[in-house]
Amino acid sequence: MALVLEPNDNGLPDDHHVMQGGWRIGRIYKRKDALRPETQWLWFISGVSRGPDGLRLTGMSATLDEALRALKESWDNLLVWAQLTASETDAGKVHSPRVLSVVISKSDP
């Protein structure tokens, strides 16, 4: 399932919620005080405090497209690690302002 950008309700033009189906899974916004062009866009996955070693939950990019690609790659990796799949049944439904909080824990066999 594709990730979709929706405008943040704060009215700022370069501030987006990242949606998968009806779930808000992250945010991407343009930083007004970025000192370098390659750090203009900040992205992060919401509601996840940690994952497997090496998984990025936040990052900075030069463009909105790069930020969305980086967030999608991390989100896809998180889903694989957690052995979760995206459900098409949530398409078009908005699950807001509820917050989904998931604690994922894996123990070594």
PDB file of N, CA and C in Angstrom:
ATOM      1  N   MET A   1       0.844  -1.172   0.000  1.00  0.00           N
ATOM      2  CA  MET A   1       0.000   0.000   0.000  1.00  0.00           C
ATOM      3  C   MET A   1       0.892   1.240   0.000  1.00  0.00           C
ATOM      4  N   ALA A   2       0.528   2.218  -0.769  1.00  0.00           N
ATOM      5  CA  ALA A   2       1.316   3.438  -0.895  1.00  0.00           C
ATOM      6  C   ALA A   2       1.119   4.351   0.310  1.00  0.00           C
ATOM      7  N   LEU A   3       2.161   5.113   0.600  1.00  0.00           N
ATOM      8  CA  LEU A   3       2.039   6.157   1.610  1.00  0.00           C
ATOM      9  C   LEU A   3       1.528   7.414   0.920  1.00  0.00           C
ATOM     10  N   VAL A   4       0.699   8.159   1.616  1.00  0.00           N
ATOM     11  CA  VAL A   4       0.070   9.354   1.052  1.00  0.00           C
ATOM     12  C   VAL A   4       0.338  10.533   1.981  1.00  0.00           C
ATOM     13  N   LEU A   5       0.630  11.682   1.388  1.00  0.00           N
ATOM     14  CA  LEU A   5       0.807  12.910   2.163  1.00  0.00           C
ATOM     15  C   LEU A   5      -0.526  13.631   2.284  1.00  0.00           C
ATOM     16  N   GLU A   6      -0.846  14.071   3.478  1.00  0.00           N
ATOM     17  CA  GLU A   6      -2.019  14.916   3.711  1.00  0.00           C
ATOM     18  C   GLU A   6      -1.546  16.174   4.405  1.00  0.00           C
ATOM     19  N   PRO A   7      -2.138  17.317   4.068  1.00  0.00           N
ATOM     20  CA  PRO A   7      -1.718  18.553   4.725  1.00  0.00           C
ATOM     21  C   PRO A   7      -1.976  18.483   6.231  1.00  0.00           C
ATOM     22  N   ASN A   8      -1.035  19.008   6.983  1.00  0.00           N
ATOM     23  CA  ASN A   8      -1.224  19.124   8.427  1.00  0.00           C
ATOM     24  C   ASN A   8      -2.272  20.202   8.657  1.00  0.00           C
ATOM     25  N   ASP A   9      -3.107  20.042   9.662  1.00  0.00           N
ATOM     26  CA  ASP A   9      -4.181  21.012   9.902  1.00  0.00           C
ATOM     27  C   ASP A   9      -3.689  22.296  10.558  1.00  0.00           C
ATOM     28  N   ASN A  10      -2.369  22.468  10.676  1.00  0.00           N
ATOM     29  CA  ASN A  10      -1.833  23.719  11.226  1.00  0.00           C
ATOM     30  C   ASN A  10      -1.772  24.830  10.183  1.00  0.00           C
ATOM     31  N   GLY A  11      -2.089  24.516   8.927  1.00  0.00           N
ATOM     32  CA  GLY A  11      -2.160  25.526   7.870  1.00  0.00           C
ATOM     33  C   GLY A  11      -0.837  25.840   7.193  1.00  0.00           C
ATOM     34  N   LEU A  12       0.260  25.243   7.626  1.00  0.00           N
ATOM     35  CA  LEU A  12       1.549  25.504   6.991  1.00  0.00           C
ATOM     36  C   LEU A  12       1.654  24.689   5.703  1.00  0.00           C
ATOM     37  N   PRO A  13       2.080  25.316   4.598  1.00  0.00           N
ATOM     38  CA  PRO A  13       2.069  24.628   3.306  1.00  0.00           C
ATOM     39  C   PRO A  13       3.079  23.486   3.183  1.00  0.00           C
ATOM     40  N   ASP A  14       4.163  23.525   3.927  1.00  0.00           N
ATOM     41  CA  ASP A  14       5.201  22.506   3.811  1.00  0.00           C
ATOM     42  C   ASP A  14       5.240  21.604   5.035  1.00  0.00           C
ATOM     43  N   ASP A  15       4.054  21.226   5.526  1.00  0.00           N
ATOM     44  CA  ASP A  15       3.938  20.371   6.705  1.00  0.00           C
ATOM     45  C   ASP A  15       2.886  19.315   6.406  1.00  0.00           C
ATOM     46  N   HIS A  16       3.301  18.043   6.419  1.00  0.00           N
ATOM     47  CA  HIS A  16       2.433  16.961   5.960  1.00  0.00           C
ATOM     48  C   HIS A  16       2.380  15.807   6.955  1.00  0.00           C
ATOM     49  N   HIS A  17       1.198  15.240   7.106  1.00  0.00           N
ATOM     50  CA  HIS A  17       1.057  13.958   7.787  1.00  0.00           C
ATOM     51  C   HIS A  17       1.293  12.890   6.728  1.00  0.00           C
ATOM     52  N   VAL A  18       1.920  11.792   7.130  1.00  0.00           N
ATOM     53  CA  VAL A  18       2.124  10.666   6.222  1.00  0.00           C
ATOM     54  C   VAL A  18       1.127   9.595   6.627  1.00  0.00           C
ATOM     55  N   MET A  19       0.308   9.190   5.670  1.00  0.00           N
ATOM     56  CA  MET A  19      -0.787   8.260   5.926  1.00  0.00           C
ATOM     57  C   MET A  19      -0.554   6.945   5.199  1.00  0.00           C
ATOM     58  N   GLN A  20      -0.935   5.851   5.861  1.00  0.00           N
ATOM     59  CA  GLN A  20      -1.047   4.557   5.196  1.00  0.00           C
ATOM     60  C   GLN A  20      -2.476   4.110   5.452  1.00  0.00           C
ATOM     61  N   GLY A  21      -3.261   4.075   4.377  1.00  0.00           N
ATOM     62  CA  GLY A  21      -4.690   3.852   4.550  1.00  0.00           C
ATOM     63  C   GLY A  21      -5.228   4.992   5.400  1.00  0.00           C
ATOM     64  N   GLY A  22      -5.967   4.680   6.441  1.00  0.00           N
ATOM     65  CA  GLY A  22      -6.501   5.703   7.325  1.00  0.00           C
ATOM     66  C   GLY A  22      -5.627   5.993   8.529  1.00  0.00           C
ATOM     67  N   TRP A  23      -4.428   5.391   8.586  1.00  0.00           N
ATOM     68  CA  TRP A  23      -3.564   5.562   9.759  1.00  0.00           C
ATOM     69  C   TRP A  23      -2.490   6.603   9.513  1.00  0.00           C
ATOM     70  N   ARG A  24      -2.340   7.503  10.446  1.00  0.00           N
ATOM     71  CA  ARG A  24      -1.289   8.514  10.421  1.00  0.00           C
ATOM     72  C   ARG A  24      -0.028   7.863  10.992  1.00  0.00           C
ATOM     73  N   ILE A  25       0.964   7.624  10.119  1.00  0.00           N
ATOM     74  CA  ILE A  25       2.143   6.876  10.569  1.00  0.00           C
ATOM     75  C   ILE A  25       3.390   7.744  10.696  1.00  0.00           C
ATOM     76  N   GLY A  26       3.321   8.980  10.250  1.00  0.00           N
ATOM     77  CA  GLY A  26       4.504   9.834  10.337  1.00  0.00           C
ATOM     78  C   GLY A  26       4.209  11.255   9.932  1.00  0.00           C
ATOM     79  N   ARG A  27       5.286  12.009   9.835  1.00  0.00           N
ATOM     80  CA  ARG A  27       5.169  13.415   9.472  1.00  0.00           C
ATOM     81  C   ARG A  27       6.419  13.836   8.715  1.00  0.00           C
ATOM     82  N   ILE A  28       6.235  14.740   7.755  1.00  0.00           N
ATOM     83  CA  ILE A  28       7.337  15.343   7.007  1.00  0.00           C
ATOM     84  C   ILE A  28       7.069  16.842   6.955  1.00  0.00           C
ATOM     85  N   TYR A  29       8.064  17.625   7.305  1.00  0.00           N
ATOM     86  CA  TYR A  29       7.890  19.069   7.188  1.00  0.00           C
ATOM     87  C   TYR A  29       9.200  19.749   6.845  1.00  0.00           C
ATOM     88  N   LYS A  30       9.065  20.936   6.249  1.00  0.00           N
ATOM     89  CA  LYS A  30      10.232  21.726   5.855  1.00  0.00           C
ATOM     90  C   LYS A  30      10.688  22.563   7.035  1.00  0.00           C
ATOM     91  N   ARG A  31      11.962  22.471   7.323  1.00  0.00           N
ATOM     92  CA  ARG A  31      12.553  23.219   8.432  1.00  0.00           C
ATOM     93  C   ARG A  31      12.923  24.627   7.954  1.00  0.00           C
ATOM     94  N   LYS A  32      12.393  25.625   8.596  1.00  0.00           N
ATOM     95  CA  LYS A  32      12.680  27.019   8.214  1.00  0.00           C
ATOM     96  C   LYS A  32      14.097  27.426   8.581  1.00  0.00           C
ATOM     97  N   ASP A  33      14.670  26.794   9.607  1.00  0.00           N
ATOM     98  CA  ASP A  33      15.987  27.193  10.100  1.00  0.00           C
ATOM     99  C   ASP A  33      17.103  26.232   9.685  1.00  0.00           C
ATOM    100  N   ALA A  34      16.892  25.462   8.631  1.00  0.00           N
ATOM    101  CA  ALA A  34      17.922  24.517   8.183  1.00  0.00           C
ATOM    102  C   ALA A  34      19.162  25.287   7.732  1.00  0.00           C
ATOM    103  N   LEU A  35      20.303  24.870   8.228  1.00  0.00           N
ATOM    104  CA  LEU A  35      21.549  25.547   7.889  1.00  0.00           C
ATOM    105  C   LEU A  35      22.152  25.046   6.575  1.00  0.00           C
ATOM    106  N   ARG A  36      21.797  23.829   6.177  1.00  0.00           N
ATOM    107  CA  ARG A  36      22.319  23.256   4.941  1.00  0.00           C
ATOM    108  C   ARG A  36      21.153  22.774   4.085  1.00  0.00           C
ATOM    109  N   PRO A  37      21.258  22.906   2.771  1.00  0.00           N
ATOM    110  CA  PRO A  37      20.169  22.479   1.880  1.00  0.00           C
ATOM    111  C   PRO A  37      19.791  21.012   2.047  1.00  0.00           C
ATOM    112  N   GLU A  38      20.753  20.148   2.358  1.00  0.00           N
ATOM    113  CA  GLU A  38      20.458  18.721   2.474  1.00  0.00           C
ATOM    114  C   GLU A  38      19.706  18.365   3.749  1.00  0.00           C
ATOM    115  N   THR A  39      19.466  19.352   4.619  1.00  0.00           N
ATOM    116  CA  THR A  39      18.731  19.092   5.863  1.00  0.00           C
ATOM    117  C   THR A  39      17.432  19.898   5.947  1.00  0.00           C
ATOM    118  N   GLN A  40      16.911  20.311   4.808  1.00  0.00           N
ATOM    119  CA  GLN A  40      15.700  21.151   4.802  1.00  0.00           C
ATOM    120  C   GLN A  40      14.442  20.431   5.248  1.00  0.00           C
ATOM    121  N   TRP A  41      14.315  19.161   4.914  1.00  0.00           N
ATOM    122  CA  TRP A  41      13.087  18.412   5.193  1.00  0.00           C
ATOM    123  C   TRP A  41      13.332  17.400   6.296  1.00  0.00           C
ATOM    124  N   LEU A  42      12.542  17.468   7.356  1.00  0.00           N
ATOM    125  CA  LEU A  42      12.625  16.527   8.469  1.00  0.00           C
ATOM    126  C   LEU A  42      11.489  15.524   8.331  1.00  0.00           C
ATOM    127  N   TRP A  43      11.802  14.248   8.513  1.00  0.00           N
ATOM    128  CA  TRP A  43      10.772  13.205   8.485  1.00  0.00           C
ATOM    129  C   TRP A  43      10.916  12.347   9.737  1.00  0.00           C
ATOM    130  N   PHE A  44       9.794  11.778  10.170  1.00  0.00           N
ATOM    131  CA  PHE A  44       9.852  10.819  11.274  1.00  0.00           C
ATOM    132  C   PHE A  44       8.645   9.903  11.242  1.00  0.00           C
ATOM    133  N   ILE A  45       8.849   8.705  11.800  1.00  0.00           N
ATOM    134  CA  ILE A  45       7.779   7.734  11.973  1.00  0.00           C
ATOM    135  C   ILE A  45       7.195   7.975  13.358  1.00  0.00           C
ATOM    136  N   SER A  46       5.890   8.069  13.448  1.00  0.00           N
ATOM    137  CA  SER A  46       5.210   8.376  14.709  1.00  0.00           C
ATOM    138  C   SER A  46       4.955   7.108  15.522  1.00  0.00           C
ATOM    139  N   GLY A  47       5.017   7.250  16.839  1.00  0.00           N
ATOM    140  CA  GLY A  47       4.560   6.206  17.743  1.00  0.00           C
ATOM    141  C   GLY A  47       5.473   5.003  17.876  1.00  0.00           C
ATOM    142  N   VAL A  48       6.681   5.076  17.345  1.00  0.00           N
ATOM    143  CA  VAL A  48       7.617   3.967  17.450  1.00  0.00           C
ATOM    144  C   VAL A  48       8.857   4.483  18.168  1.00  0.00           C
ATOM    145  N   SER A  49       9.151   3.901  19.311  1.00  0.00           N
ATOM    146  CA  SER A  49      10.299   4.393  20.075  1.00  0.00           C
ATOM    147  C   SER A  49      11.598   3.703  19.696  1.00  0.00           C
ATOM    148  N   ARG A  50      11.500   2.485  19.168  1.00  0.00           N
ATOM    149  CA  ARG A  50      12.700   1.785  18.717  1.00  0.00           C
ATOM    150  C   ARG A  50      12.308   0.608  17.848  1.00  0.00           C
ATOM    151  N   GLY A  51      13.293   0.098  17.161  1.00  0.00           N
ATOM    152  CA  GLY A  51      13.100  -1.059  16.306  1.00  0.00           C
ATOM    153  C   GLY A  51      14.390  -1.838  16.272  1.00  0.00           C
ATOM    154  N   PRO A  52      14.622  -2.583  15.217  1.00  0.00           N
ATOM    155  CA  PRO A  52      15.861  -3.348  15.134  1.00  0.00           C
ATOM    156  C   PRO A  52      17.056  -2.404  14.974  1.00  0.00           C
ATOM    157  N   ASP A  53      18.229  -2.904  15.337  1.00  0.00           N
ATOM    158  CA  ASP A  53      19.440  -2.099  15.160  1.00  0.00           C
ATOM    159  C   ASP A  53      19.540  -1.640  13.710  1.00  0.00           C
ATOM    160  N   GLY A  54      19.879  -0.383  13.522  1.00  0.00           N
ATOM    161  CA  GLY A  54      20.052   0.166  12.181  1.00  0.00           C
ATOM    162  C   GLY A  54      18.801   0.766  11.570  1.00  0.00           C
ATOM    163  N   LEU A  55      17.642   0.560  12.178  1.00  0.00           N
ATOM    164  CA  LEU A  55      16.415   1.139  11.631  1.00  0.00           C
ATOM    165  C   LEU A  55      16.364   2.620  11.950  1.00  0.00           C
ATOM    166  N   ARG A  56      16.185   3.430  10.932  1.00  0.00           N
ATOM    167  CA  ARG A  56      16.049   4.873  11.121  1.00  0.00           C
ATOM    168  C   ARG A  56      14.584   5.213  11.351  1.00  0.00           C
ATOM    169  N   LEU A  57      14.316   5.937  12.420  1.00  0.00           N
ATOM    170  CA  LEU A  57      12.952   6.386  12.715  1.00  0.00           C
ATOM    171  C   LEU A  57      12.765   7.849  12.381  1.00  0.00           C
ATOM    172  N   THR A  58      13.856   8.541  12.086  1.00  0.00           N
ATOM    173  CA  THR A  58      13.820   9.949  11.727  1.00  0.00           C
ATOM    174  C   THR A  58      15.014  10.266  10.845  1.00  0.00           C
ATOM    175  N   GLY A  59      14.896  11.338  10.088  1.00  0.00           N
ATOM    176  CA  GLY A  59      16.008  11.744   9.235  1.00  0.00           C
ATOM    177  C   GLY A  59      15.746  13.086   8.589  1.00  0.00           C
ATOM    178  N   MET A  60      16.740  13.574   7.875  1.00  0.00           N
ATOM    179  CA  MET A  60      16.640  14.842   7.168  1.00  0.00           C
ATOM    180  C   MET A  60      17.035  14.629   5.718  1.00  0.00           C
ATOM    181  N   SER A  61      16.379  15.371   4.832  1.00  0.00           N
ATOM    182  CA  SER A  61      16.608  15.234   3.399  1.00  0.00           C
ATOM    183  C   SER A  61      16.581  16.601   2.740  1.00  0.00           C
ATOM    184  N   ALA A  62      17.081  16.638   1.504  1.00  0.00           N
ATOM    185  CA  ALA A  62      17.124  17.889   0.751  1.00  0.00           C
ATOM    186  C   ALA A  62      15.771  18.248   0.138  1.00  0.00           C
ATOM    187  N   THR A  63      14.976  17.230  -0.213  1.00  0.00           N
ATOM    188  CA  THR A  63      13.701  17.484  -0.882  1.00  0.00           C
ATOM    189  C   THR A  63      12.577  16.690  -0.218  1.00  0.00           C
ATOM    190  N   LEU A  64      11.366  17.097  -0.500  1.00  0.00           N
ATOM    191  CA  LEU A  64      10.195  16.378  -0.005  1.00  0.00           C
ATOM    192  C   LEU A  64      10.169  14.948  -0.547  1.00  0.00           C
ATOM    193  N   ASP A  65      10.469  14.775  -1.839  1.00  0.00           N
ATOM    194  CA  ASP A  65      10.465  13.439  -2.437  1.00  0.00           C
ATOM    195  C   ASP A  65      11.490  12.527  -1.769  1.00  0.00           C
ATOM    196  N   GLU A  66      12.690  13.053  -1.496  1.00  0.00           N
ATOM    197  CA  GLU A  66      13.715  12.249  -0.826  1.00  0.00           C
ATOM    198  C   GLU A  66      13.268  11.871   0.589  1.00  0.00           C
ATOM    199  N   ALA A  67      12.640  12.813   1.287  1.00  0.00           N
ATOM    200  CA  ALA A  67      12.161  12.544   2.648  1.00  0.00           C
ATOM    201  C   ALA A  67      11.092  11.451   2.632  1.00  0.00           C
ATOM    202  N   LEU A  68      10.166  11.517   1.683  1.00  0.00           N
ATOM    203  CA  LEU A  68       9.110  10.505   1.593  1.00  0.00           C
ATOM    204  C   LEU A  68       9.700   9.132   1.256  1.00  0.00           C
ATOM    205  N   ARG A  69      10.680   9.091   0.350  1.00  0.00           N
ATOM    206  CA  ARG A  69      11.327   7.817   0.018  1.00  0.00           C
ATOM    207  C   ARG A  69      12.032   7.222   1.233  1.00  0.00           C
ATOM    208  N   ALA A  70      12.744   8.059   1.986  1.00  0.00           N
ATOM    209  CA  ALA A  70      13.471   7.574   3.166  1.00  0.00           C
ATOM    210  C   ALA A  70      12.500   7.073   4.236  1.00  0.00           C
ATOM    211  N   LEU A  71      11.415   7.816   4.470  1.00  0.00           N
ATOM    212  CA  LEU A  71      10.425   7.386   5.457  1.00  0.00           C
ATOM    213  C   LEU A  71       9.790   6.070   5.015  1.00  0.00           C
ATOM    214  N   LYS A  72       9.440   5.964   3.739  1.00  0.00           N
ATOM    215  CA  LYS A  72       8.815   4.733   3.230  1.00  0.00           C
ATOM    216  C   LYS A  72       9.758   3.545   3.394  1.00  0.00           C
ATOM    217  N   GLU A  73      11.027   3.717   3.089  1.00  0.00           N
ATOM    218  CA  GLU A  73      11.986   2.623   3.242  1.00  0.00           C
ATOM    219  C   GLU A  73      12.050   2.172   4.704  1.00  0.00           C
ATOM    220  N   SER A  74      12.128   3.120   5.620  1.00  0.00           N
ATOM    221  CA  SER A  74      12.168   2.772   7.042  1.00  0.00           C
ATOM    222  C   SER A  74      10.868   2.120   7.491  1.00  0.00           C
ATOM    223  N   TRP A  75       9.743   2.645   7.047  1.00  0.00           N
ATOM    224  CA  TRP A  75       8.437   2.077   7.410  1.00  0.00           C
ATOM    225  C   TRP A  75       8.325   0.635   6.902  1.00  0.00           C
ATOM    226  N   ASP A  76       8.704   0.410   5.640  1.00  0.00           N
ATOM    227  CA  ASP A  76       8.653  -0.939   5.077  1.00  0.00           C
ATOM    228  C   ASP A  76       9.553  -1.896   5.862  1.00  0.00           C
ATOM    229  N   ASN A  77      10.745  -1.439   6.225  1.00  0.00           N
ATOM    230  CA  ASN A  77      11.665  -2.266   7.010  1.00  0.00           C
ATOM    231  C   ASN A  77      11.086  -2.573   8.389  1.00  0.00           C
ATOM    232  N   LEU A  78      10.430  -1.599   8.993  1.00  0.00           N
ATOM    233  CA  LEU A  78       9.804  -1.807  10.296  1.00  0.00           C
ATOM    234  C   LEU A  78       8.697  -2.857  10.206  1.00  0.00           C
ATOM    235  N   LEU A  79       7.869  -2.760   9.173  1.00  0.00           N
ATOM    236  CA  LEU A  79       6.788  -3.736   9.000  1.00  0.00           C
ATOM    237  C   LEU A  79       7.334  -5.149   8.816  1.00  0.00           C
ATOM    238  N   VAL A  80       8.394  -5.282   8.024  1.00  0.00           N
ATOM    239  CA  VAL A  80       9.001  -6.599   7.809  1.00  0.00           C
ATOM    240  C   VAL A  80       9.553  -7.133   9.121  1.00  0.00           C
ATOM    241  N   TRP A  81      10.309  -6.307   9.843  1.00  0.00           N
ATOM    242  CA  TRP A  81      10.901  -6.729  11.115  1.00  0.00           C
ATOM    243  C   TRP A  81       9.829  -7.154  12.116  1.00  0.00           C
ATOM    244  N   ALA A  82       8.736  -6.397  12.172  1.00  0.00           N
ATOM    245  CA  ALA A  82       7.664  -6.693  13.127  1.00  0.00           C
ATOM    246  C   ALA A  82       6.716  -7.779  12.618  1.00  0.00           C
ATOM    247  N   GLN A  83       6.969  -8.276  11.414  1.00  0.00           N
ATOM    248  CA  GLN A  83       6.137  -9.296  10.788  1.00  0.00           C
ATOM    249  C   GLN A  83       4.688  -8.828  10.665  1.00  0.00           C
ATOM    250  N   LEU A  84       4.536  -7.581  10.211  1.00  0.00           N
ATOM    251  CA  LEU A  84       3.220  -6.983   9.995  1.00  0.00           C
ATOM    252  C   LEU A  84       3.031  -6.730   8.509  1.00  0.00           C
ATOM    253  N   THR A  85       1.782  -6.655   8.083  1.00  0.00           N
ATOM    254  CA  THR A  85       1.477  -6.319   6.699  1.00  0.00           C
ATOM    255  C   THR A  85       0.446  -5.196   6.688  1.00  0.00           C
ATOM    256  N   ALA A  86       0.484  -4.402   5.635  1.00  0.00           N
ATOM    257  CA  ALA A  86      -0.486  -3.327   5.471  1.00  0.00           C
ATOM    258  C   ALA A  86      -1.822  -3.925   5.070  1.00  0.00           C
ATOM    259  N   SER A  87      -2.892  -3.391   5.601  1.00  0.00           N
ATOM    260  CA  SER A  87      -4.226  -3.882   5.292  1.00  0.00           C
ATOM    261  C   SER A  87      -4.931  -2.914   4.361  1.00  0.00           C
ATOM    262  N   GLU A  88      -5.487  -3.437   3.301  1.00  0.00           N
ATOM    263  CA  GLU A  88      -6.256  -2.618   2.365  1.00  0.00           C
ATOM    264  C   GLU A  88      -7.623  -2.247   2.943  1.00  0.00           C
ATOM    265  N   THR A  89      -8.068  -2.917   3.989  1.00  0.00           N
ATOM    266  CA  THR A  89      -9.411  -2.684   4.512  1.00  0.00           C
ATOM    267  C   THR A  89      -9.547  -1.320   5.186  1.00  0.00           C
ATOM    268  N   ASP A  90      -8.433  -0.682   5.544  1.00  0.00           N
ATOM    269  CA  ASP A  90      -8.495   0.628   6.177  1.00  0.00           C
ATOM    270  C   ASP A  90      -8.499   1.773   5.172  1.00  0.00           C
ATOM    271  N   ALA A  91      -8.372   1.489   3.901  1.00  0.00           N
ATOM    272  CA  ALA A  91      -8.306   2.537   2.898  1.00  0.00           C
ATOM    273  C   ALA A  91      -9.539   3.432   2.983  1.00  0.00           C
ATOM    274  N   GLY A  92      -9.298   4.715   3.018  1.00  0.00           N
ATOM    275  CA  GLY A  92     -10.386   5.682   3.039  1.00  0.00           C
ATOM    276  C   GLY A  92     -10.944   5.975   4.415  1.00  0.00           C
ATOM    277  N   LYS A  93     -10.629   5.161   5.406  1.00  0.00           N
ATOM    278  CA  LYS A  93     -11.103   5.417   6.763  1.00  0.00           C
ATOM    279  C   LYS A  93     -10.088   6.285   7.478  1.00  0.00           C
ATOM    280  N   VAL A  94     -10.557   7.223   8.242  1.00  0.00           N
ATOM    281  CA  VAL A  94      -9.656   8.073   9.006  1.00  0.00           C
ATOM    282  C   VAL A  94      -9.784   7.709  10.471  1.00  0.00           C
ATOM    283  N   HIS A  95      -8.681   7.295  11.055  1.00  0.00           N
ATOM    284  CA  HIS A  95      -8.645   6.895  12.452  1.00  0.00           C
ATOM    285  C   HIS A  95      -7.984   8.012  13.251  1.00  0.00           C
ATOM    286  N   SER A  96      -8.665   9.099  13.370  1.00  0.00           N
ATOM    287  CA  SER A  96      -8.080  10.245  14.052  1.00  0.00           C
ATOM    288  C   SER A  96      -9.169  10.908  14.874  1.00  0.00           C
ATOM    289  N   PRO A  97      -8.908  11.452  15.992  1.00  0.00           N
ATOM    290  CA  PRO A  97      -7.610  11.738  16.592  1.00  0.00           C
ATOM    291  C   PRO A  97      -7.068  10.626  17.473  1.00  0.00           C
ATOM    292  N   ARG A  98      -7.559   9.393  17.329  1.00  0.00           N
ATOM    293  CA  ARG A  98      -7.010   8.293  18.112  1.00  0.00           C
ATOM    294  C   ARG A  98      -5.523   8.151  17.835  1.00  0.00           C
ATOM    295  N   VAL A  99      -4.796   7.684  18.806  1.00  0.00           N
ATOM    296  CA  VAL A  99      -3.371   7.449  18.651  1.00  0.00           C
ATOM    297  C   VAL A  99      -3.127   5.962  18.830  1.00  0.00           C
ATOM    298  N   LEU A 100      -2.429   5.385  17.900  1.00  0.00           N
ATOM    299  CA  LEU A 100      -2.071   3.977  17.982  1.00  0.00           C
ATOM    300  C   LEU A 100      -0.720   3.871  18.654  1.00  0.00           C
ATOM    301  N   SER A 101      -0.652   3.135  19.710  1.00  0.00           N
ATOM    302  CA  SER A 101       0.603   2.914  20.408  1.00  0.00           C
ATOM    303  C   SER A 101       0.849   1.417  20.450  1.00  0.00           C
ATOM    304  N   VAL A 102       1.971   1.009  19.910  1.00  0.00           N
ATOM    305  CA  VAL A 102       2.292  -0.402  19.843  1.00  0.00           C
ATOM    306  C   VAL A 102       3.667  -0.613  20.458  1.00  0.00           C
ATOM    307  N   VAL A 103       3.765  -1.586  21.321  1.00  0.00           N
ATOM    308  CA  VAL A 103       5.064  -1.985  21.854  1.00  0.00           C
ATOM    309  C   VAL A 103       5.409  -3.308  21.211  1.00  0.00           C
ATOM    310  N   ILE A 104       6.520  -3.330  20.509  1.00  0.00           N
ATOM    311  CA  ILE A 104       6.919  -4.536  19.811  1.00  0.00           C
ATOM    312  C   ILE A 104       8.190  -5.041  20.470  1.00  0.00           C
ATOM    313  N   SER A 105       8.164  -6.285  20.803  1.00  0.00           N
ATOM    314  CA  SER A 105       9.301  -6.870  21.475  1.00  0.00           C
ATOM    315  C   SER A 105       9.567  -8.235  20.880  1.00  0.00           C
ATOM    316  N   LYS A 106      10.796  -8.491  20.564  1.00  0.00           N
ATOM    317  CA  LYS A 106      11.183  -9.799  20.042  1.00  0.00           C
ATOM    318  C   LYS A 106      12.257 -10.349  20.952  1.00  0.00           C
ATOM    319  N   SER A 107      12.130 -11.585  21.294  1.00  0.00           N
ATOM    320  CA  SER A 107      13.172 -12.215  22.081  1.00  0.00           C
ATOM    321  C   SER A 107      13.863 -13.253  21.205  1.00  0.00           C
ATOM    322  N   ASP A 108      15.127 -13.422  21.446  1.00  0.00           N
ATOM    323  CA  ASP A 108      15.875 -14.422  20.700  1.00  0.00           C
ATOM    324  C   ASP A 108      15.442 -15.801  21.137  1.00  0.00           C
ATOM    325  N   PRO A 109      15.290 -16.720  20.173  1.00  0.00           N
ATOM    326  CA  PRO A 109      14.868 -18.078  20.529  1.00  0.00           C
ATOM    327  C   PRO A 109      15.916 -18.806  21.348  1.00  0.00           C
TER     328      PRO A 109
END
